[in-house]
């Protein structure tokens, strides 16, 4: 399954599409195919290097925030990890950027949610 996922990943990566289009534009014998491959490679570069499009697509995947008041009571809370890491420079565990996860969970706990 791991190998299949890696193969699929290679074929859905825009860089692979770009390389295939460029190779076709060089190796194709017919002018029409060369032209379509060049236009395709230009479109791939413009589309996938456009940060506006990238950010708009990412915004579509985001889950909107919920206010503390609208959260119902639950018996169990699960705080996903990934926010703590070992900082070798000071020889201790550091929270870094993900600290809001634990603070939000503690706030909900204190509100008996």
PDB file of N, CA and C in Angstrom:
ATOM      1  N   UNK A   1       0.828  -1.187   0.000  1.00  0.00           N
ATOM      2  CA  UNK A   1       0.000   0.000   0.000  1.00  0.00           C
ATOM      3  C   UNK A   1       0.877   1.258   0.000  1.00  0.00           C
ATOM      4  N   UNK A   2       2.010   1.202   0.721  1.00  0.00           N
ATOM      5  CA  UNK A   2       2.914   2.340   0.775  1.00  0.00           C
ATOM      6  C   UNK A   2       3.470   2.655  -0.615  1.00  0.00           C
ATOM      7  N   UNK A   3       3.850   1.633  -1.336  1.00  0.00           N
ATOM      8  CA  UNK A   3       4.408   1.836  -2.669  1.00  0.00           C
ATOM      9  C   UNK A   3       3.360   2.435  -3.597  1.00  0.00           C
ATOM     10  N   UNK A   4       2.127   1.938  -3.510  1.00  0.00           N
ATOM     11  CA  UNK A   4       1.046   2.479  -4.332  1.00  0.00           C
ATOM     12  C   UNK A   4       0.802   3.954  -4.021  1.00  0.00           C
ATOM     13  N   UNK A   5       0.832   4.320  -2.750  1.00  0.00           N
ATOM     14  CA  UNK A   5       0.620   5.722  -2.385  1.00  0.00           C
ATOM     15  C   UNK A   5       1.738   6.611  -2.920  1.00  0.00           C
ATOM     16  N   UNK A   6       2.961   6.121  -2.932  1.00  0.00           N
ATOM     17  CA  UNK A   6       4.084   6.893  -3.471  1.00  0.00           C
ATOM     18  C   UNK A   6       3.963   7.055  -4.981  1.00  0.00           C
ATOM     19  N   UNK A   7       3.526   6.011  -5.664  1.00  0.00           N
ATOM     20  CA  UNK A   7       3.341   6.087  -7.116  1.00  0.00           C
ATOM     21  C   UNK A   7       2.235   7.082  -7.459  1.00  0.00           C
ATOM     22  N   UNK A   8       1.121   7.013  -6.734  1.00  0.00           N
ATOM     23  CA  UNK A   8       0.021   7.949  -6.965  1.00  0.00           C
ATOM     24  C   UNK A   8       0.476   9.369  -6.686  1.00  0.00           C
ATOM     25  N   UNK A   9       1.244   9.571  -5.629  1.00  0.00           N
ATOM     26  CA  UNK A   9       1.743  10.903  -5.290  1.00  0.00           C
ATOM     27  C   UNK A   9       2.583  11.487  -6.420  1.00  0.00           C
ATOM     28  N   UNK A  10       3.430  10.660  -7.023  1.00  0.00           N
ATOM     29  CA  UNK A  10       4.268  11.139  -8.126  1.00  0.00           C
ATOM     30  C   UNK A  10       3.396  11.626  -9.279  1.00  0.00           C
ATOM     31  N   UNK A  11       2.313  10.923  -9.556  1.00  0.00           N
ATOM     32  CA  UNK A  11       1.487  11.286 -10.702  1.00  0.00           C
ATOM     33  C   UNK A  11       0.502  12.420 -10.423  1.00  0.00           C
ATOM     34  N   UNK A  12       0.287  12.782  -9.172  1.00  0.00           N
ATOM     35  CA  UNK A  12      -0.583  13.921  -8.912  1.00  0.00           C
ATOM     36  C   UNK A  12       0.198  15.189  -8.601  1.00  0.00           C
ATOM     37  N   UNK A  13       1.502  15.113  -8.581  1.00  0.00           N
ATOM     38  CA  UNK A  13       2.335  16.270  -8.323  1.00  0.00           C
ATOM     39  C   UNK A  13       2.434  17.139  -9.574  1.00  0.00           C
ATOM     40  N   UNK A  14       2.199  18.446  -9.446  1.00  0.00           N
ATOM     41  CA  UNK A  14       2.275  19.338 -10.605  1.00  0.00           C
ATOM     42  C   UNK A  14       3.638  19.341 -11.292  1.00  0.00           C
ATOM     43  N   UNK A  15       4.702  19.124 -10.541  1.00  0.00           N
ATOM     44  CA  UNK A  15       6.028  19.080 -11.158  1.00  0.00           C
ATOM     45  C   UNK A  15       6.122  17.937 -12.162  1.00  0.00           C
ATOM     46  N   UNK A  16       5.504  16.814 -11.852  1.00  0.00           N
ATOM     47  CA  UNK A  16       5.493  15.692 -12.788  1.00  0.00           C
ATOM     48  C   UNK A  16       4.745  16.076 -14.060  1.00  0.00           C
ATOM     49  N   UNK A  17       3.605  16.744 -13.913  1.00  0.00           N
ATOM     50  CA  UNK A  17       2.846  17.185 -15.088  1.00  0.00           C
ATOM     51  C   UNK A  17       3.677  18.138 -15.938  1.00  0.00           C
ATOM     52  N   UNK A  18       4.376  19.056 -15.254  1.00  0.00           N
ATOM     53  CA  UNK A  18       5.211  20.014 -15.970  1.00  0.00           C
ATOM     54  C   UNK A  18       6.327  19.308 -16.734  1.00  0.00           C
ATOM     55  N   UNK A  19       6.999  18.377 -16.077  1.00  0.00           N
ATOM     56  CA  UNK A  19       8.079  17.647 -16.754  1.00  0.00           C
ATOM     57  C   UNK A  19       7.568  16.834 -17.933  1.00  0.00           C
ATOM     58  N   UNK A  20       6.416  16.192 -17.790  1.00  0.00           N
ATOM     59  CA  UNK A  20       5.842  15.424 -18.900  1.00  0.00           C
ATOM     60  C   UNK A  20       5.501  16.344 -20.064  1.00  0.00           C
ATOM     61  N   UNK A  21       4.894  17.498 -19.764  1.00  0.00           N
ATOM     62  CA  UNK A  21       4.546  18.447 -20.826  1.00  0.00           C
ATOM     63  C   UNK A  21       5.796  18.968 -21.532  1.00  0.00           C
ATOM     64  N   UNK A  22       6.843  19.252 -20.759  1.00  0.00           N
ATOM     65  CA  UNK A  22       8.085  19.738 -21.377  1.00  0.00           C
ATOM     66  C   UNK A  22       8.759  18.660 -22.220  1.00  0.00           C
ATOM     67  N   UNK A  23       8.751  17.436 -21.743  1.00  0.00           N
ATOM     68  CA  UNK A  23       9.339  16.336 -22.527  1.00  0.00           C
ATOM     69  C   UNK A  23       8.562  16.130 -23.816  1.00  0.00           C
ATOM     70  N   UNK A  24       7.242  16.179 -23.736  1.00  0.00           N
ATOM     71  CA  UNK A  24       6.421  16.041 -24.947  1.00  0.00           C
ATOM     72  C   UNK A  24       6.702  17.181 -25.904  1.00  0.00           C
ATOM     73  N   UNK A  25       6.865  18.406 -25.377  1.00  0.00           N
ATOM     74  CA  UNK A  25       7.119  19.543 -26.268  1.00  0.00           C
ATOM     75  C   UNK A  25       8.471  19.425 -26.978  1.00  0.00           C
ATOM     76  N   UNK A  26       9.400  18.723 -26.391  1.00  0.00           N
ATOM     77  CA  UNK A  26      10.708  18.530 -27.029  1.00  0.00           C
ATOM     78  C   UNK A  26      10.699  17.343 -27.974  1.00  0.00           C
ATOM     79  N   UNK A  27      10.059  16.255 -27.583  1.00  0.00           N
ATOM     80  CA  UNK A  27      10.147  15.018 -28.361  1.00  0.00           C
ATOM     81  C   UNK A  27       9.067  14.847 -29.420  1.00  0.00           C
ATOM     82  N   UNK A  28       7.996  15.594 -29.324  1.00  0.00           N
ATOM     83  CA  UNK A  28       6.891  15.405 -30.276  1.00  0.00           C
ATOM     84  C   UNK A  28       7.319  15.820 -31.681  1.00  0.00           C
ATOM     85  N   UNK A  29       6.783  15.103 -32.652  1.00  0.00           N
ATOM     86  CA  UNK A  29       7.133  15.383 -34.051  1.00  0.00           C
ATOM     87  C   UNK A  29       6.152  16.365 -34.685  1.00  0.00           C
ATOM     88  N   UNK A  30       4.900  16.295 -34.297  1.00  0.00           N
ATOM     89  CA  UNK A  30       3.898  17.182 -34.889  1.00  0.00           C
ATOM     90  C   UNK A  30       3.890  18.530 -34.172  1.00  0.00           C
ATOM     91  N   UNK A  31       3.765  19.591 -34.966  1.00  0.00           N
ATOM     92  CA  UNK A  31       3.809  20.949 -34.426  1.00  0.00           C
ATOM     93  C   UNK A  31       2.636  21.230 -33.499  1.00  0.00           C
ATOM     94  N   UNK A  32       1.483  20.682 -33.820  1.00  0.00           N
ATOM     95  CA  UNK A  32       0.300  20.943 -32.997  1.00  0.00           C
ATOM     96  C   UNK A  32       0.487  20.361 -31.587  1.00  0.00           C
ATOM     97  N   UNK A  33       1.029  19.161 -31.500  1.00  0.00           N
ATOM     98  CA  UNK A  33       1.265  18.533 -30.192  1.00  0.00           C
ATOM     99  C   UNK A  33       2.322  19.315 -29.419  1.00  0.00           C
ATOM    100  N   UNK A  34       3.387  19.766 -30.098  1.00  0.00           N
ATOM    101  CA  UNK A  34       4.410  20.578 -29.436  1.00  0.00           C
ATOM    102  C   UNK A  34       3.802  21.852 -28.868  1.00  0.00           C
ATOM    103  N   UNK A  35       2.948  22.485 -29.665  1.00  0.00           N
ATOM    104  CA  UNK A  35       2.319  23.744 -29.256  1.00  0.00           C
ATOM    105  C   UNK A  35       1.408  23.528 -28.041  1.00  0.00           C
ATOM    106  N   UNK A  36       0.602  22.479 -28.083  1.00  0.00           N
ATOM    107  CA  UNK A  36      -0.293  22.179 -26.955  1.00  0.00           C
ATOM    108  C   UNK A  36       0.523  21.868 -25.704  1.00  0.00           C
ATOM    109  N   UNK A  37       1.618  21.141 -25.845  1.00  0.00           N
ATOM    110  CA  UNK A  37       2.470  20.803 -24.695  1.00  0.00           C
ATOM    111  C   UNK A  37       3.121  22.053 -24.112  1.00  0.00           C
ATOM    112  N   UNK A  38       3.567  22.971 -24.963  1.00  0.00           N
ATOM    113  CA  UNK A  38       4.166  24.217 -24.470  1.00  0.00           C
ATOM    114  C   UNK A  38       3.137  25.074 -23.744  1.00  0.00           C
ATOM    115  N   UNK A  39       1.951  25.195 -24.316  1.00  0.00           N
ATOM    116  CA  UNK A  39       0.891  25.977 -23.675  1.00  0.00           C
ATOM    117  C   UNK A  39       0.487  25.320 -22.356  1.00  0.00           C
ATOM    118  N   UNK A  40       0.416  23.996 -22.348  1.00  0.00           N
ATOM    119  CA  UNK A  40       0.080  23.279 -21.116  1.00  0.00           C
ATOM    120  C   UNK A  40       1.133  23.504 -20.040  1.00  0.00           C
ATOM    121  N   UNK A  41       2.394  23.448 -20.413  1.00  0.00           N
ATOM    122  CA  UNK A  41       3.453  23.657 -19.423  1.00  0.00           C
ATOM    123  C   UNK A  41       3.413  25.085 -18.886  1.00  0.00           C
ATOM    124  N   UNK A  42       3.124  26.052 -19.727  1.00  0.00           N
ATOM    125  CA  UNK A  42       2.998  27.432 -19.266  1.00  0.00           C
ATOM    126  C   UNK A  42       1.802  27.584 -18.331  1.00  0.00           C
ATOM    127  N   UNK A  43       0.687  26.958 -18.678  1.00  0.00           N
ATOM    128  CA  UNK A  43      -0.505  27.021 -17.823  1.00  0.00           C
ATOM    129  C   UNK A  43      -0.247  26.354 -16.472  1.00  0.00           C
ATOM    130  N   UNK A  44       0.457  25.229 -16.473  1.00  0.00           N
ATOM    131  CA  UNK A  44       0.784  24.537 -15.224  1.00  0.00           C
ATOM    132  C   UNK A  44       1.643  25.428 -14.330  1.00  0.00           C
ATOM    133  N   UNK A  45       2.652  26.063 -14.899  1.00  0.00           N
ATOM    134  CA  UNK A  45       3.527  26.942 -14.119  1.00  0.00           C
ATOM    135  C   UNK A  45       2.741  28.125 -13.562  1.00  0.00           C
ATOM    136  N   UNK A  46       1.935  28.765 -14.400  1.00  0.00           N
ATOM    137  CA  UNK A  46       1.182  29.936 -13.943  1.00  0.00           C
ATOM    138  C   UNK A  46       0.150  29.569 -12.882  1.00  0.00           C
ATOM    139  N   UNK A  47      -0.529  28.454 -13.061  1.00  0.00           N
ATOM    140  CA  UNK A  47      -1.570  28.061 -12.111  1.00  0.00           C
ATOM    141  C   UNK A  47      -0.997  27.641 -10.772  1.00  0.00           C
ATOM    142  N   UNK A  48      -0.003  26.758 -10.793  1.00  0.00           N
ATOM    143  CA  UNK A  48       0.503  26.194  -9.548  1.00  0.00           C
ATOM    144  C   UNK A  48       1.525  27.080  -8.834  1.00  0.00           C
ATOM    145  N   UNK A  49       2.010  28.126  -9.483  1.00  0.00           N
ATOM    146  CA  UNK A  49       2.908  29.053  -8.792  1.00  0.00           C
ATOM    147  C   UNK A  49       2.174  30.306  -8.336  1.00  0.00           C
ATOM    148  N   UNK A  50       0.874  30.358  -8.552  1.00  0.00           N
ATOM    149  CA  UNK A  50       0.065  31.505  -8.170  1.00  0.00           C
ATOM    150  C   UNK A  50      -0.359  31.363  -6.704  1.00  0.00           C
ATOM    151  N   UNK A  51       0.160  32.219  -5.835  1.00  0.00           N
ATOM    152  CA  UNK A  51      -0.142  32.098  -4.411  1.00  0.00           C
ATOM    153  C   UNK A  51      -1.592  32.442  -4.092  1.00  0.00           C
ATOM    154  N   UNK A  52      -2.215  33.309  -4.890  1.00  0.00           N
ATOM    155  CA  UNK A  52      -3.617  33.632  -4.656  1.00  0.00           C
ATOM    156  C   UNK A  52      -4.475  32.386  -4.807  1.00  0.00           C
ATOM    157  N   UNK A  53      -4.275  31.643  -5.881  1.00  0.00           N
ATOM    158  CA  UNK A  53      -5.040  30.408  -6.112  1.00  0.00           C
ATOM    159  C   UNK A  53      -4.748  29.402  -5.007  1.00  0.00           C
ATOM    160  N   UNK A  54      -3.480  29.268  -4.647  1.00  0.00           N
ATOM    161  CA  UNK A  54      -3.078  28.340  -3.585  1.00  0.00           C
ATOM    162  C   UNK A  54      -3.777  28.663  -2.270  1.00  0.00           C
ATOM    163  N   UNK A  55      -3.776  29.943  -1.885  1.00  0.00           N
ATOM    164  CA  UNK A  55      -4.392  30.330  -0.620  1.00  0.00           C
ATOM    165  C   UNK A  55      -5.910  30.178  -0.656  1.00  0.00           C
ATOM    166  N   UNK A  56      -6.535  30.443  -1.787  1.00  0.00           N
ATOM    167  CA  UNK A  56      -7.980  30.276  -1.891  1.00  0.00           C
ATOM    168  C   UNK A  56      -8.376  28.803  -1.779  1.00  0.00           C
ATOM    169  N   UNK A  57      -7.584  27.922  -2.358  1.00  0.00           N
ATOM    170  CA  UNK A  57      -7.860  26.490  -2.249  1.00  0.00           C
ATOM    171  C   UNK A  57      -7.675  26.034  -0.805  1.00  0.00           C
ATOM    172  N   UNK A  58      -6.636  26.523  -0.140  1.00  0.00           N
ATOM    173  CA  UNK A  58      -6.421  26.168   1.266  1.00  0.00           C
ATOM    174  C   UNK A  58      -7.557  26.678   2.147  1.00  0.00           C
ATOM    175  N   UNK A  59      -8.067  27.877   1.843  1.00  0.00           N
ATOM    176  CA  UNK A  59      -9.178  28.419   2.622  1.00  0.00           C
ATOM    177  C   UNK A  59     -10.409  27.529   2.524  1.00  0.00           C
ATOM    178  N   UNK A  60     -10.594  26.883   1.399  1.00  0.00           N
ATOM    179  CA  UNK A  60     -11.720  25.972   1.229  1.00  0.00           C
ATOM    180  C   UNK A  60     -11.629  24.752   2.132  1.00  0.00           C
ATOM    181  N   UNK A  61     -10.426  24.365   2.533  1.00  0.00           N
ATOM    182  CA  UNK A  61     -10.225  23.196   3.389  1.00  0.00           C
ATOM    183  C   UNK A  61     -10.310  23.524   4.868  1.00  0.00           C
ATOM    184  N   UNK A  62     -10.213  24.803   5.218  1.00  0.00           N
ATOM    185  CA  UNK A  62     -10.193  25.188   6.624  1.00  0.00           C
ATOM    186  C   UNK A  62     -11.548  24.969   7.286  1.00  0.00           C
ATOM    187  N   UNK A  63     -11.501  24.610   8.543  1.00  0.00           N
ATOM    188  CA  UNK A  63     -12.712  24.476   9.349  1.00  0.00           C
ATOM    189  C   UNK A  63     -12.882  25.784  10.114  1.00  0.00           C
ATOM    190  N   UNK A  64     -14.067  26.354  10.048  1.00  0.00           N
ATOM    191  CA  UNK A  64     -14.309  27.638  10.685  1.00  0.00           C
ATOM    192  C   UNK A  64     -14.306  27.486  12.210  1.00  0.00           C
ATOM    193  N   UNK A  65     -13.825  28.507  12.870  1.00  0.00           N
ATOM    194  CA  UNK A  65     -13.756  28.508  14.334  1.00  0.00           C
ATOM    195  C   UNK A  65     -15.160  28.524  14.935  1.00  0.00           C
ATOM    196  N   UNK A  66     -15.260  27.931  16.116  1.00  0.00           N
ATOM    197  CA  UNK A  66     -16.527  27.858  16.841  1.00  0.00           C
ATOM    198  C   UNK A  66     -16.330  28.576  18.174  1.00  0.00           C
ATOM    199  N   UNK A  67     -17.305  29.367  18.575  1.00  0.00           N
ATOM    200  CA  UNK A  67     -17.185  30.074  19.851  1.00  0.00           C
ATOM    201  C   UNK A  67     -17.329  29.084  21.001  1.00  0.00           C
ATOM    202  N   UNK A  68     -16.744  29.422  22.146  1.00  0.00           N
ATOM    203  CA  UNK A  68     -16.817  28.553  23.316  1.00  0.00           C
ATOM    204  C   UNK A  68     -18.262  28.352  23.766  1.00  0.00           C
ATOM    205  N   UNK A  69     -19.091  29.372  23.609  1.00  0.00           N
ATOM    206  CA  UNK A  69     -20.483  29.285  24.041  1.00  0.00           C
ATOM    207  C   UNK A  69     -21.290  28.275  23.236  1.00  0.00           C
ATOM    208  N   UNK A  70     -20.932  28.082  21.990  1.00  0.00           N
ATOM    209  CA  UNK A  70     -21.704  27.167  21.139  1.00  0.00           C
ATOM    210  C   UNK A  70     -21.271  25.702  21.268  1.00  0.00           C
ATOM    211  N   UNK A  71     -20.226  25.428  22.060  1.00  0.00           N
ATOM    212  CA  UNK A  71     -19.761  24.056  22.251  1.00  0.00           C
ATOM    213  C   UNK A  71     -20.653  23.378  23.286  1.00  0.00           C
ATOM    214  N   UNK A  72     -21.144  22.204  22.965  1.00  0.00           N
ATOM    215  CA  UNK A  72     -21.984  21.427  23.888  1.00  0.00           C
ATOM    216  C   UNK A  72     -21.129  20.708  24.922  1.00  0.00           C
ATOM    217  N   UNK A  73     -21.782  20.183  25.956  1.00  0.00           N
ATOM    218  CA  UNK A  73     -21.083  19.423  26.990  1.00  0.00           C
ATOM    219  C   UNK A  73     -20.670  18.054  26.441  1.00  0.00           C
ATOM    220  N   UNK A  74     -19.438  17.646  26.736  1.00  0.00           N
ATOM    221  CA  UNK A  74     -18.928  16.329  26.362  1.00  0.00           C
ATOM    222  C   UNK A  74     -18.241  15.722  27.574  1.00  0.00           C
ATOM    223  N   UNK A  75     -18.225  14.404  27.622  1.00  0.00           N
ATOM    224  CA  UNK A  75     -17.591  13.707  28.739  1.00  0.00           C
ATOM    225  C   UNK A  75     -16.088  13.559  28.570  1.00  0.00           C
ATOM    226  N   UNK A  76     -15.630  13.597  27.332  1.00  0.00           N
ATOM    227  CA  UNK A  76     -14.221  13.342  27.042  1.00  0.00           C
ATOM    228  C   UNK A  76     -13.711  14.418  26.090  1.00  0.00           C
ATOM    229  N   UNK A  77     -12.455  14.818  26.283  1.00  0.00           N
ATOM    230  CA  UNK A  77     -11.790  15.744  25.361  1.00  0.00           C
ATOM    231  C   UNK A  77     -10.510  15.089  24.869  1.00  0.00           C
ATOM    232  N   UNK A  78     -10.213  15.305  23.636  1.00  0.00           N
ATOM    233  CA  UNK A  78      -8.998  14.757  23.048  1.00  0.00           C
ATOM    234  C   UNK A  78      -8.216  15.913  22.435  1.00  0.00           C
ATOM    235  N   UNK A  79      -7.019  16.142  22.940  1.00  0.00           N
ATOM    236  CA  UNK A  79      -6.143  17.177  22.403  1.00  0.00           C
ATOM    237  C   UNK A  79      -5.063  16.478  21.606  1.00  0.00           C
ATOM    238  N   UNK A  80      -5.037  16.736  20.322  1.00  0.00           N
ATOM    239  CA  UNK A  80      -4.053  16.080  19.462  1.00  0.00           C
ATOM    240  C   UNK A  80      -2.662  16.639  19.720  1.00  0.00           C
ATOM    241  N   UNK A  81      -1.669  15.780  19.620  1.00  0.00           N
ATOM    242  CA  UNK A  81      -0.288  16.178  19.874  1.00  0.00           C
ATOM    243  C   UNK A  81       0.308  16.936  18.710  1.00  0.00           C
ATOM    244  N   UNK A  82       1.597  17.031  18.741  1.00  0.00           N
ATOM    245  CA  UNK A  82       2.291  17.733  17.683  1.00  0.00           C
ATOM    246  C   UNK A  82       2.680  19.146  18.073  1.00  0.00           C
ATOM    247  N   UNK A  83       2.238  19.574  19.233  1.00  0.00           N
ATOM    248  CA  UNK A  83       2.546  20.944  19.620  1.00  0.00           C
ATOM    249  C   UNK A  83       3.818  21.030  20.461  1.00  0.00           C
ATOM    250  N   UNK A  84       4.242  19.925  21.022  1.00  0.00           N
ATOM    251  CA  UNK A  84       5.433  19.929  21.854  1.00  0.00           C
ATOM    252  C   UNK A  84       6.604  19.338  21.080  1.00  0.00           C
ATOM    253  N   UNK A  85       7.771  19.904  21.288  1.00  0.00           N
ATOM    254  CA  UNK A  85       8.981  19.339  20.705  1.00  0.00           C
ATOM    255  C   UNK A  85      10.151  19.619  21.629  1.00  0.00           C
ATOM    256  N   UNK A  86      11.135  18.773  21.529  1.00  0.00           N
ATOM    257  CA  UNK A  86      12.301  18.918  22.394  1.00  0.00           C
ATOM    258  C   UNK A  86      13.238  19.952  21.797  1.00  0.00           C
ATOM    259  N   UNK A  87      13.570  20.954  22.576  1.00  0.00           N
ATOM    260  CA  UNK A  87      14.475  22.021  22.148  1.00  0.00           C
ATOM    261  C   UNK A  87      15.866  21.711  22.693  1.00  0.00           C
ATOM    262  N   UNK A  88      16.758  21.283  21.815  1.00  0.00           N
ATOM    263  CA  UNK A  88      18.103  20.885  22.231  1.00  0.00           C
ATOM    264  C   UNK A  88      18.933  22.073  22.707  1.00  0.00           C
ATOM    265  N   UNK A  89      18.632  23.276  22.241  1.00  0.00           N
ATOM    266  CA  UNK A  89      19.446  24.427  22.629  1.00  0.00           C
ATOM    267  C   UNK A  89      19.286  24.778  24.104  1.00  0.00           C
ATOM    268  N   UNK A  90      18.106  24.502  24.677  1.00  0.00           N
ATOM    269  CA  UNK A  90      17.889  24.793  26.098  1.00  0.00           C
ATOM    270  C   UNK A  90      17.638  23.526  26.911  1.00  0.00           C
ATOM    271  N   UNK A  91      17.688  22.367  26.248  1.00  0.00           N
ATOM    272  CA  UNK A  91      17.563  21.066  26.901  1.00  0.00           C
ATOM    273  C   UNK A  91      16.248  20.908  27.660  1.00  0.00           C
ATOM    274  N   UNK A  92      15.129  21.213  26.966  1.00  0.00           N
ATOM    275  CA  UNK A  92      13.806  21.052  27.568  1.00  0.00           C
ATOM    276  C   UNK A  92      12.740  20.944  26.479  1.00  0.00           C
ATOM    277  N   UNK A  93      11.533  20.630  26.896  1.00  0.00           N
ATOM    278  CA  UNK A  93      10.403  20.548  25.975  1.00  0.00           C
ATOM    279  C   UNK A  93       9.868  21.952  25.743  1.00  0.00           C
ATOM    280  N   UNK A  94       9.565  22.266  24.494  1.00  0.00           N
ATOM    281  CA  UNK A  94       9.078  23.590  24.128  1.00  0.00           C
ATOM    282  C   UNK A  94       7.732  23.459  23.415  1.00  0.00           C
ATOM    283  N   UNK A  95       6.862  24.445  23.601  1.00  0.00           N
ATOM    284  CA  UNK A  95       5.524  24.403  23.003  1.00  0.00           C
ATOM    285  C   UNK A  95       5.534  24.965  21.599  1.00  0.00           C
ATOM    286  N   UNK A  96       6.219  26.019  21.360  1.00  0.00           N
ATOM    287  CA  UNK A  96       6.310  26.697  20.065  1.00  0.00           C
ATOM    288  C   UNK A  96       4.960  27.204  19.587  1.00  0.00           C
ATOM    289  N   UNK A  97       4.586  26.898  18.337  1.00  0.00           N
ATOM    290  CA  UNK A  97       3.422  27.527  17.712  1.00  0.00           C
ATOM    291  C   UNK A  97       2.083  26.880  18.055  1.00  0.00           C
ATOM    292  N   UNK A  98       2.043  25.685  18.564  1.00  0.00           N
ATOM    293  CA  UNK A  98       0.788  24.978  18.753  1.00  0.00           C
ATOM    294  C   UNK A  98       0.190  25.074  20.136  1.00  0.00           C
ATOM    295  N   UNK A  99       0.585  26.050  20.917  1.00  0.00           N
ATOM    296  CA  UNK A  99       0.143  26.140  22.310  1.00  0.00           C
ATOM    297  C   UNK A  99      -1.346  26.428  22.434  1.00  0.00           C
ATOM    298  N   UNK A 100      -1.951  27.045  21.449  1.00  0.00           N
ATOM    299  CA  UNK A 100      -3.367  27.392  21.575  1.00  0.00           C
ATOM    300  C   UNK A 100      -4.254  26.166  21.706  1.00  0.00           C
ATOM    301  N   UNK A 101      -3.821  25.022  21.228  1.00  0.00           N
ATOM    302  CA  UNK A 101      -4.623  23.796  21.351  1.00  0.00           C
ATOM    303  C   UNK A 101      -4.881  23.454  22.810  1.00  0.00           C
ATOM    304  N   UNK A 102      -3.827  23.457  23.592  1.00  0.00           N
ATOM    305  CA  UNK A 102      -3.981  23.068  24.997  1.00  0.00           C
ATOM    306  C   UNK A 102      -4.730  24.136  25.776  1.00  0.00           C
ATOM    307  N   UNK A 103      -4.500  25.420  25.447  1.00  0.00           N
ATOM    308  CA  UNK A 103      -5.203  26.491  26.163  1.00  0.00           C
ATOM    309  C   UNK A 103      -6.703  26.458  25.862  1.00  0.00           C
ATOM    310  N   UNK A 104      -7.066  26.171  24.629  1.00  0.00           N
ATOM    311  CA  UNK A 104      -8.492  26.065  24.283  1.00  0.00           C
ATOM    312  C   UNK A 104      -9.127  24.879  25.004  1.00  0.00           C
ATOM    313  N   UNK A 105      -8.413  23.769  25.077  1.00  0.00           N
ATOM    314  CA  UNK A 105      -8.937  22.602  25.789  1.00  0.00           C
ATOM    315  C   UNK A 105      -9.095  22.899  27.273  1.00  0.00           C
ATOM    316  N   UNK A 106      -8.136  23.580  27.862  1.00  0.00           N
ATOM    317  CA  UNK A 106      -8.237  23.937  29.279  1.00  0.00           C
ATOM    318  C   UNK A 106      -9.378  24.919  29.537  1.00  0.00           C
ATOM    319  N   UNK A 107      -9.599  25.843  28.633  1.00  0.00           N
ATOM    320  CA  UNK A 107     -10.714  26.783  28.768  1.00  0.00           C
ATOM    321  C   UNK A 107     -12.034  26.044  28.737  1.00  0.00           C
ATOM    322  N   UNK A 108     -12.179  25.114  27.811  1.00  0.00           N
ATOM    323  CA  UNK A 108     -13.408  24.317  27.729  1.00  0.00           C
ATOM    324  C   UNK A 108     -13.589  23.464  28.986  1.00  0.00           C
ATOM    325  N   UNK A 109     -12.494  22.930  29.499  1.00  0.00           N
ATOM    326  CA  UNK A 109     -12.560  22.127  30.731  1.00  0.00           C
ATOM    327  C   UNK A 109     -13.023  22.985  31.913  1.00  0.00           C
ATOM    328  N   UNK A 110     -12.454  24.182  32.035  1.00  0.00           N
ATOM    329  CA  UNK A 110     -12.821  25.085  33.131  1.00  0.00           C
ATOM    330  C   UNK A 110     -14.279  25.559  33.020  1.00  0.00           C
ATOM    331  N   UNK A 111     -14.787  25.614  31.785  1.00  0.00           N
ATOM    332  CA  UNK A 111     -16.195  25.993  31.582  1.00  0.00           C
ATOM    333  C   UNK A 111     -17.130  24.790  31.698  1.00  0.00           C
ATOM    334  N   UNK A 112     -16.555  23.636  32.068  1.00  0.00           N
ATOM    335  CA  UNK A 112     -17.298  22.378  32.228  1.00  0.00           C
ATOM    336  C   UNK A 112     -18.020  21.957  30.951  1.00  0.00           C
ATOM    337  N   UNK A 113     -17.350  22.184  29.824  1.00  0.00           N
ATOM    338  CA  UNK A 113     -17.919  21.809  28.538  1.00  0.00           C
ATOM    339  C   UNK A 113     -17.433  20.417  28.150  1.00  0.00           C
TER     340      UNK A 113
END
